[in-house]
PDB file of N, CA and C in Angstrom:
ATOM      1  N   UNK A   1      -2.189 -99.747  41.525  1.00  0.00           N
ATOM      2  CA  UNK A   1      -2.154-100.588  40.337  1.00  0.00           C
ATOM      3  C   UNK A   1      -2.728 -99.881  39.170  1.00  0.00           C
ATOM      4  N   UNK A   2      -2.060 -99.704  37.911  1.00  0.00           N
ATOM      5  CA  UNK A   2      -2.750 -99.234  36.783  1.00  0.00           C
ATOM      6  C   UNK A   2      -3.366-100.227  35.873  1.00  0.00           C
ATOM      7  N   UNK A   3      -4.511-100.152  35.384  1.00  0.00           N
ATOM      8  CA  UNK A   3      -5.140-100.914  34.639  1.00  0.00           C
ATOM      9  C   UNK A   3      -5.163-100.437  33.253  1.00  0.00           C
ATOM     10  N   UNK A   4      -4.947-101.162  32.236  1.00  0.00           N
ATOM     11  CA  UNK A   4      -4.973-100.643  30.903  1.00  0.00           C
ATOM     12  C   UNK A   4      -6.097-101.390  30.102  1.00  0.00           C
ATOM     13  N   UNK A   5      -6.894-100.637  29.352  1.00  0.00           N
ATOM     14  CA  UNK A   5      -8.123-101.162  28.583  1.00  0.00           C
ATOM     15  C   UNK A   5      -7.873-100.639  27.228  1.00  0.00           C
ATOM     16  N   UNK A   6      -8.375-101.305  26.283  1.00  0.00           N
ATOM     17  CA  UNK A   6      -8.421-100.990  24.793  1.00  0.00           C
ATOM     18  C   UNK A   6      -9.654-100.172  24.574  1.00  0.00           C
ATOM     19  N   UNK A   7      -9.407 -99.131  23.961  1.00  0.00           N
ATOM     20  CA  UNK A   7     -10.428 -98.153  23.315  1.00  0.00           C
ATOM     21  C   UNK A   7     -10.796 -98.595  21.958  1.00  0.00           C
ATOM     22  N   UNK A   8     -12.109 -98.770  21.636  1.00  0.00           N
ATOM     23  CA  UNK A   8     -12.512 -98.847  20.302  1.00  0.00           C
ATOM     24  C   UNK A   8     -13.243 -97.874  19.926  1.00  0.00           C
ATOM     25  N   UNK A   9     -13.254 -97.052  18.855  1.00  0.00           N
ATOM     26  CA  UNK A   9     -13.944 -96.027  18.550  1.00  0.00           C
ATOM     27  C   UNK A   9     -14.129 -95.788  16.983  1.00  0.00           C
ATOM     28  N   UNK A  10     -15.210 -94.936  16.788  1.00  0.00           N
ATOM     29  CA  UNK A  10     -15.573 -94.736  15.341  1.00  0.00           C
ATOM     30  C   UNK A  10     -16.241 -93.490  15.093  1.00  0.00           C
ATOM     31  N   UNK A  11     -16.489 -93.060  13.998  1.00  0.00           N
ATOM     32  CA  UNK A  11     -17.234 -91.712  13.788  1.00  0.00           C
ATOM     33  C   UNK A  11     -18.560 -91.914  13.312  1.00  0.00           C
ATOM     34  N   UNK A  12     -19.429 -91.170  13.861  1.00  0.00           N
ATOM     35  CA  UNK A  12     -20.935 -91.097  13.421  1.00  0.00           C
ATOM     36  C   UNK A  12     -21.335 -89.663  13.398  1.00  0.00           C
ATOM     37  N   UNK A  13     -21.200 -89.316  12.219  1.00  0.00           N
ATOM     38  CA  UNK A  13     -21.585 -87.838  11.929  1.00  0.00           C
ATOM     39  C   UNK A  13     -20.454 -86.969  12.513  1.00  0.00           C
ATOM     40  N   UNK A  14     -20.750 -86.060  13.319  1.00  0.00           N
ATOM     41  CA  UNK A  14     -19.693 -85.210  13.969  1.00  0.00           C
ATOM     42  C   UNK A  14     -19.309 -85.714  15.339  1.00  0.00           C
ATOM     43  N   UNK A  15     -19.564 -86.870  15.625  1.00  0.00           N
ATOM     44  CA  UNK A  15     -19.305 -87.475  16.988  1.00  0.00           C
ATOM     45  C   UNK A  15     -18.369 -88.476  16.922  1.00  0.00           C
ATOM     46  N   UNK A  16     -17.448 -88.723  18.041  1.00  0.00           N
ATOM     47  CA  UNK A  16     -16.752 -89.955  18.214  1.00  0.00           C
ATOM     48  C   UNK A  16     -17.466 -90.675  19.076  1.00  0.00           C
ATOM     49  N   UNK A  17     -17.695 -92.120  18.715  1.00  0.00           N
ATOM     50  CA  UNK A  17     -18.344 -93.020  19.621  1.00  0.00           C
ATOM     51  C   UNK A  17     -17.509 -94.014  19.979  1.00  0.00           C
ATOM     52  N   UNK A  18     -17.544 -94.530  21.139  1.00  0.00           N
ATOM     53  CA  UNK A  18     -16.568 -95.481  21.495  1.00  0.00           C
ATOM     54  C   UNK A  18     -16.912 -96.546  22.556  1.00  0.00           C
ATOM     55  N   UNK A  19     -15.995 -97.578  22.817  1.00  0.00           N
ATOM     56  CA  UNK A  19     -16.383 -98.435  23.901  1.00  0.00           C
ATOM     57  C   UNK A  19     -15.114 -98.889  24.418  1.00  0.00           C
ATOM     58  N   UNK A  20     -15.060 -99.500  25.629  1.00  0.00           N
ATOM     59  CA  UNK A  20     -13.966-100.086  26.315  1.00  0.00           C
ATOM     60  C   UNK A  20     -14.300-101.598  26.024  1.00  0.00           C
ATOM     61  N   UNK A  21     -13.277-102.388  25.145  1.00  0.00           N
ATOM     62  CA  UNK A  21     -13.523-103.523  24.788  1.00  0.00           C
ATOM     63  C   UNK A  21     -13.661-104.608  25.893  1.00  0.00           C
ATOM     64  N   UNK A  22     -12.916-104.485  26.813  1.00  0.00           N
ATOM     65  CA  UNK A  22     -12.799-105.430  28.038  1.00  0.00           C
ATOM     66  C   UNK A  22     -14.090-105.376  28.846  1.00  0.00           C
ATOM     67  N   UNK A  23     -14.919-104.153  28.888  1.00  0.00           N
ATOM     68  CA  UNK A  23     -15.997-104.038  29.904  1.00  0.00           C
ATOM     69  C   UNK A  23     -17.283-103.969  28.914  1.00  0.00           C
ATOM     70  N   UNK A  24     -18.037-105.073  29.017  1.00  0.00           N
ATOM     71  CA  UNK A  24     -19.380-105.030  28.372  1.00  0.00           C
ATOM     72  C   UNK A  24     -20.274-103.917  28.688  1.00  0.00           C
ATOM     73  N   UNK A  25     -20.946-103.382  27.851  1.00  0.00           N
ATOM     74  CA  UNK A  25     -21.885-102.213  28.145  1.00  0.00           C
ATOM     75  C   UNK A  25     -21.298-100.702  28.389  1.00  0.00           C
ATOM     76  N   UNK A  26     -19.755-100.702  28.258  1.00  0.00           N
ATOM     77  CA  UNK A  26     -19.260 -99.387  28.543  1.00  0.00           C
ATOM     78  C   UNK A  26     -19.095 -98.578  27.295  1.00  0.00           C
ATOM     79  N   UNK A  27     -19.875 -97.774  26.894  1.00  0.00           N
ATOM     80  CA  UNK A  27     -20.033 -97.013  25.595  1.00  0.00           C
ATOM     81  C   UNK A  27     -20.155 -95.533  26.075  1.00  0.00           C
ATOM     82  N   UNK A  28     -19.662 -94.629  25.188  1.00  0.00           N
ATOM     83  CA  UNK A  28     -19.916 -93.188  25.188  1.00  0.00           C
ATOM     84  C   UNK A  28     -19.667 -92.458  23.898  1.00  0.00           C
ATOM     85  N   UNK A  29     -19.852 -91.332  24.011  1.00  0.00           N
ATOM     86  CA  UNK A  29     -19.610 -90.472  22.770  1.00  0.00           C
ATOM     87  C   UNK A  29     -18.953 -89.116  23.125  1.00  0.00           C
ATOM     88  N   UNK A  30     -18.397 -88.364  22.187  1.00  0.00           N
ATOM     89  CA  UNK A  30     -17.823 -87.093  22.508  1.00  0.00           C
ATOM     90  C   UNK A  30     -17.608 -86.177  21.213  1.00  0.00           C
ATOM     91  N   UNK A  31     -17.590 -85.111  21.294  1.00  0.00           N
ATOM     92  CA  UNK A  31     -17.307 -84.363  20.068  1.00  0.00           C
ATOM     93  C   UNK A  31     -15.767 -84.199  19.549  1.00  0.00           C
ATOM     94  N   UNK A  32     -15.010 -84.724  20.478  1.00  0.00           N
ATOM     95  CA  UNK A  32     -13.540 -84.853  20.045  1.00  0.00           C
ATOM     96  C   UNK A  32     -13.130 -86.250  20.758  1.00  0.00           C
ATOM     97  N   UNK A  33     -11.967 -86.594  20.360  1.00  0.00           N
ATOM     98  CA  UNK A  33     -11.455 -87.961  20.836  1.00  0.00           C
ATOM     99  C   UNK A  33     -11.188 -87.712  22.406  1.00  0.00           C
ATOM    100  N   UNK A  34     -10.534 -86.502  22.583  1.00  0.00           N
ATOM    101  CA  UNK A  34     -10.249 -86.271  24.239  1.00  0.00           C
ATOM    102  C   UNK A  34     -11.590 -86.305  25.011  1.00  0.00           C
ATOM    103  N   UNK A  35     -12.683 -85.777  24.577  1.00  0.00           N
ATOM    104  CA  UNK A  35     -14.033 -85.673  25.131  1.00  0.00           C
ATOM    105  C   UNK A  35     -14.426 -87.091  25.325  1.00  0.00           C
ATOM    106  N   UNK A  36     -14.326 -88.040  24.364  1.00  0.00           N
ATOM    107  CA  UNK A  36     -14.678 -89.430  24.250  1.00  0.00           C
ATOM    108  C   UNK A  36     -14.046 -89.992  25.343  1.00  0.00           C
ATOM    109  N   UNK A  37     -12.646 -89.979  25.464  1.00  0.00           N
ATOM    110  CA  UNK A  37     -12.017 -90.596  26.504  1.00  0.00           C
ATOM    111  C   UNK A  37     -12.486 -89.983  27.914  1.00  0.00           C
ATOM    112  N   UNK A  38     -12.714 -88.716  28.149  1.00  0.00           N
ATOM    113  CA  UNK A  38     -13.069 -88.274  29.421  1.00  0.00           C
ATOM    114  C   UNK A  38     -14.508 -88.891  29.669  1.00  0.00           C
ATOM    115  N   UNK A  39     -15.355 -88.991  28.882  1.00  0.00           N
ATOM    116  CA  UNK A  39     -16.773 -89.386  28.970  1.00  0.00           C
ATOM    117  C   UNK A  39     -16.679 -90.953  29.418  1.00  0.00           C
ATOM    118  N   UNK A  40     -15.760 -91.590  28.716  1.00  0.00           N
ATOM    119  CA  UNK A  40     -15.729 -93.051  28.985  1.00  0.00           C
ATOM    120  C   UNK A  40     -15.205 -93.417  30.365  1.00  0.00           C
ATOM    121  N   UNK A  41     -14.090 -92.558  30.816  1.00  0.00           N
ATOM    122  CA  UNK A  41     -13.562 -92.647  32.273  1.00  0.00           C
ATOM    123  C   UNK A  41     -14.754 -92.289  33.199  1.00  0.00           C
ATOM    124  N   UNK A  42     -15.542 -91.258  32.938  1.00  0.00           N
ATOM    125  CA  UNK A  42     -16.578 -90.847  33.875  1.00  0.00           C
ATOM    126  C   UNK A  42     -17.699 -92.150  33.900  1.00  0.00           C
ATOM    127  N   UNK A  43     -17.965 -92.658  32.814  1.00  0.00           N
ATOM    128  CA  UNK A  43     -18.726 -93.849  32.771  1.00  0.00           C
ATOM    129  C   UNK A  43     -18.254 -95.014  33.606  1.00  0.00           C
ATOM    130  N   UNK A  44     -17.050 -95.205  33.226  1.00  0.00           N
ATOM    131  CA  UNK A  44     -16.227 -96.364  33.993  1.00  0.00           C
ATOM    132  C   UNK A  44     -16.475 -96.087  35.620  1.00  0.00           C
ATOM    133  N   UNK A  45     -16.236 -94.907  36.012  1.00  0.00           N
ATOM    134  CA  UNK A  45     -16.291 -94.632  37.474  1.00  0.00           C
ATOM    135  C   UNK A  45     -17.922 -94.868  38.002  1.00  0.00           C
ATOM    136  N   UNK A  46     -18.645 -94.439  37.045  1.00  0.00           N
ATOM    137  CA  UNK A  46     -20.106 -94.760  37.546  1.00  0.00           C
ATOM    138  C   UNK A  46     -20.456 -96.211  37.522  1.00  0.00           C
ATOM    139  N   UNK A  47     -19.848 -96.986  36.578  1.00  0.00           N
ATOM    140  CA  UNK A  47     -20.117 -98.249  36.789  1.00  0.00           C
ATOM    141  C   UNK A  47     -19.576 -98.982  37.961  1.00  0.00           C
ATOM    142  N   UNK A  48     -18.334 -98.636  38.267  1.00  0.00           N
ATOM    143  CA  UNK A  48     -17.661 -99.127  39.461  1.00  0.00           C
ATOM    144  C   UNK A  48     -18.449 -98.792  40.686  1.00  0.00           C
ATOM    145  N   UNK A  49     -18.936 -97.472  40.677  1.00  0.00           N
ATOM    146  CA  UNK A  49     -19.774 -97.054  41.978  1.00  0.00           C
ATOM    147  C   UNK A  49     -21.038 -97.850  42.036  1.00  0.00           C
ATOM    148  N   UNK A  50     -21.646 -98.300  40.896  1.00  0.00           N
ATOM    149  CA  UNK A  50     -22.962 -99.018  40.815  1.00  0.00           C
ATOM    150  C   UNK A  50     -22.619-100.410  40.929  1.00  0.00           C
ATOM    151  N   UNK A  51     -21.428-100.883  40.959  1.00  0.00           N
ATOM    152  CA  UNK A  51     -21.103-102.462  40.839  1.00  0.00           C
ATOM    153  C   UNK A  51     -21.531-103.140  39.678  1.00  0.00           C
ATOM    154  N   UNK A  52     -21.307-102.311  38.396  1.00  0.00           N
ATOM    155  CA  UNK A  52     -21.508-102.805  37.279  1.00  0.00           C
ATOM    156  C   UNK A  52     -20.304-103.145  36.445  1.00  0.00           C
ATOM    157  N   UNK A  53     -20.196-103.858  35.483  1.00  0.00           N
ATOM    158  CA  UNK A  53     -21.226-104.647  35.108  1.00  0.00           C
ATOM    159  C   UNK A  53     -21.444-105.859  35.969  1.00  0.00           C
ATOM    160  N   UNK A  54     -22.678-106.391  35.793  1.00  0.00           N
ATOM    161  CA  UNK A  54     -23.141-107.457  36.686  1.00  0.00           C
ATOM    162  C   UNK A  54     -22.214-108.734  36.582  1.00  0.00           C
ATOM    163  N   UNK A  55     -22.019-109.330  37.642  1.00  0.00           N
ATOM    164  CA  UNK A  55     -21.061-110.443  37.630  1.00  0.00           C
ATOM    165  C   UNK A  55     -21.527-111.517  36.860  1.00  0.00           C
ATOM    166  N   UNK A  56     -22.796-111.652  36.475  1.00  0.00           N
ATOM    167  CA  UNK A  56     -23.114-112.818  35.656  1.00  0.00           C
ATOM    168  C   UNK A  56     -23.187-112.330  34.320  1.00  0.00           C
ATOM    169  N   UNK A  57     -22.514-111.298  33.960  1.00  0.00           N
ATOM    170  CA  UNK A  57     -22.317-110.936  32.305  1.00  0.00           C
ATOM    171  C   UNK A  57     -21.564-111.889  31.703  1.00  0.00           C
ATOM    172  N   UNK A  58     -22.015-112.256  30.596  1.00  0.00           N
ATOM    173  CA  UNK A  58     -21.300-113.349  29.594  1.00  0.00           C
ATOM    174  C   UNK A  58     -21.019-112.837  28.300  1.00  0.00           C
ATOM    175  N   UNK A  59     -19.928-113.263  27.634  1.00  0.00           N
ATOM    176  CA  UNK A  59     -19.867-112.896  26.264  1.00  0.00           C
ATOM    177  C   UNK A  59     -19.794-114.322  25.473  1.00  0.00           C
ATOM    178  N   UNK A  60     -20.121-114.149  24.257  1.00  0.00           N
ATOM    179  CA  UNK A  60     -20.174-115.537  23.361  1.00  0.00           C
ATOM    180  C   UNK A  60     -19.953-114.955  21.894  1.00  0.00           C
ATOM    181  N   UNK A  61     -19.063-115.864  21.299  1.00  0.00           N
ATOM    182  CA  UNK A  61     -18.536-115.542  19.876  1.00  0.00           C
ATOM    183  C   UNK A  61     -19.432-116.430  18.948  1.00  0.00           C
ATOM    184  N   UNK A  62     -20.050-115.863  17.902  1.00  0.00           N
ATOM    185  CA  UNK A  62     -20.875-116.211  16.960  1.00  0.00           C
ATOM    186  C   UNK A  62     -20.210-116.222  15.662  1.00  0.00           C
ATOM    187  N   UNK A  63     -20.580-117.355  14.717  1.00  0.00           N
ATOM    188  CA  UNK A  63     -20.059-117.117  13.498  1.00  0.00           C
ATOM    189  C   UNK A  63     -21.240-116.887  12.352  1.00  0.00           C
ATOM    190  N   UNK A  64     -21.125-116.098  11.568  1.00  0.00           N
ATOM    191  CA  UNK A  64     -22.176-115.749  10.439  1.00  0.00           C
ATOM    192  C   UNK A  64     -21.800-115.325   9.282  1.00  0.00           C
ATOM    193  N   UNK A  65     -22.332-115.430   8.211  1.00  0.00           N
ATOM    194  CA  UNK A  65     -21.702-114.943   6.971  1.00  0.00           C
ATOM    195  C   UNK A  65     -22.589-113.803   6.303  1.00  0.00           C
ATOM    196  N   UNK A  66     -21.882-113.086   5.793  1.00  0.00           N
ATOM    197  CA  UNK A  66     -22.418-111.734   5.185  1.00  0.00           C
ATOM    198  C   UNK A  66     -22.121-111.542   3.753  1.00  0.00           C
ATOM    199  N   UNK A  67     -23.122-111.801   2.844  1.00  0.00           N
ATOM    200  CA  UNK A  67     -23.001-111.449   1.533  1.00  0.00           C
ATOM    201  C   UNK A  67     -22.725-110.068   1.169  1.00  0.00           C
ATOM    202  N   UNK A  68     -21.434-109.700   0.595  1.00  0.00           N
ATOM    203  CA  UNK A  68     -21.306-108.450   0.167  1.00  0.00           C
ATOM    204  C   UNK A  68     -21.303-108.187  -1.275  1.00  0.00           C
ATOM    205  N   UNK A  69     -22.075-106.980  -1.806  1.00  0.00           N
ATOM    206  CA  UNK A  69     -22.049-106.751  -3.229  1.00  0.00           C
ATOM    207  C   UNK A  69     -20.842-106.351  -3.735  1.00  0.00           C
TER     208      UNK A  69
END
């Protein structure tokens, strides 16, 4: 079975930084988008091998206001 996940990424200086949205705590970085994807895949398999994320991981939506200039 093939699982599909959403990659969310952004630029920080010369790095692509990203996370897998559906898996809390799965972040990585790379000098290129391809390297980021490869690093995230490596991190995913490390998490699977370690049994992470913990089964008691929870998410919560919060509301807050930000005043913009």
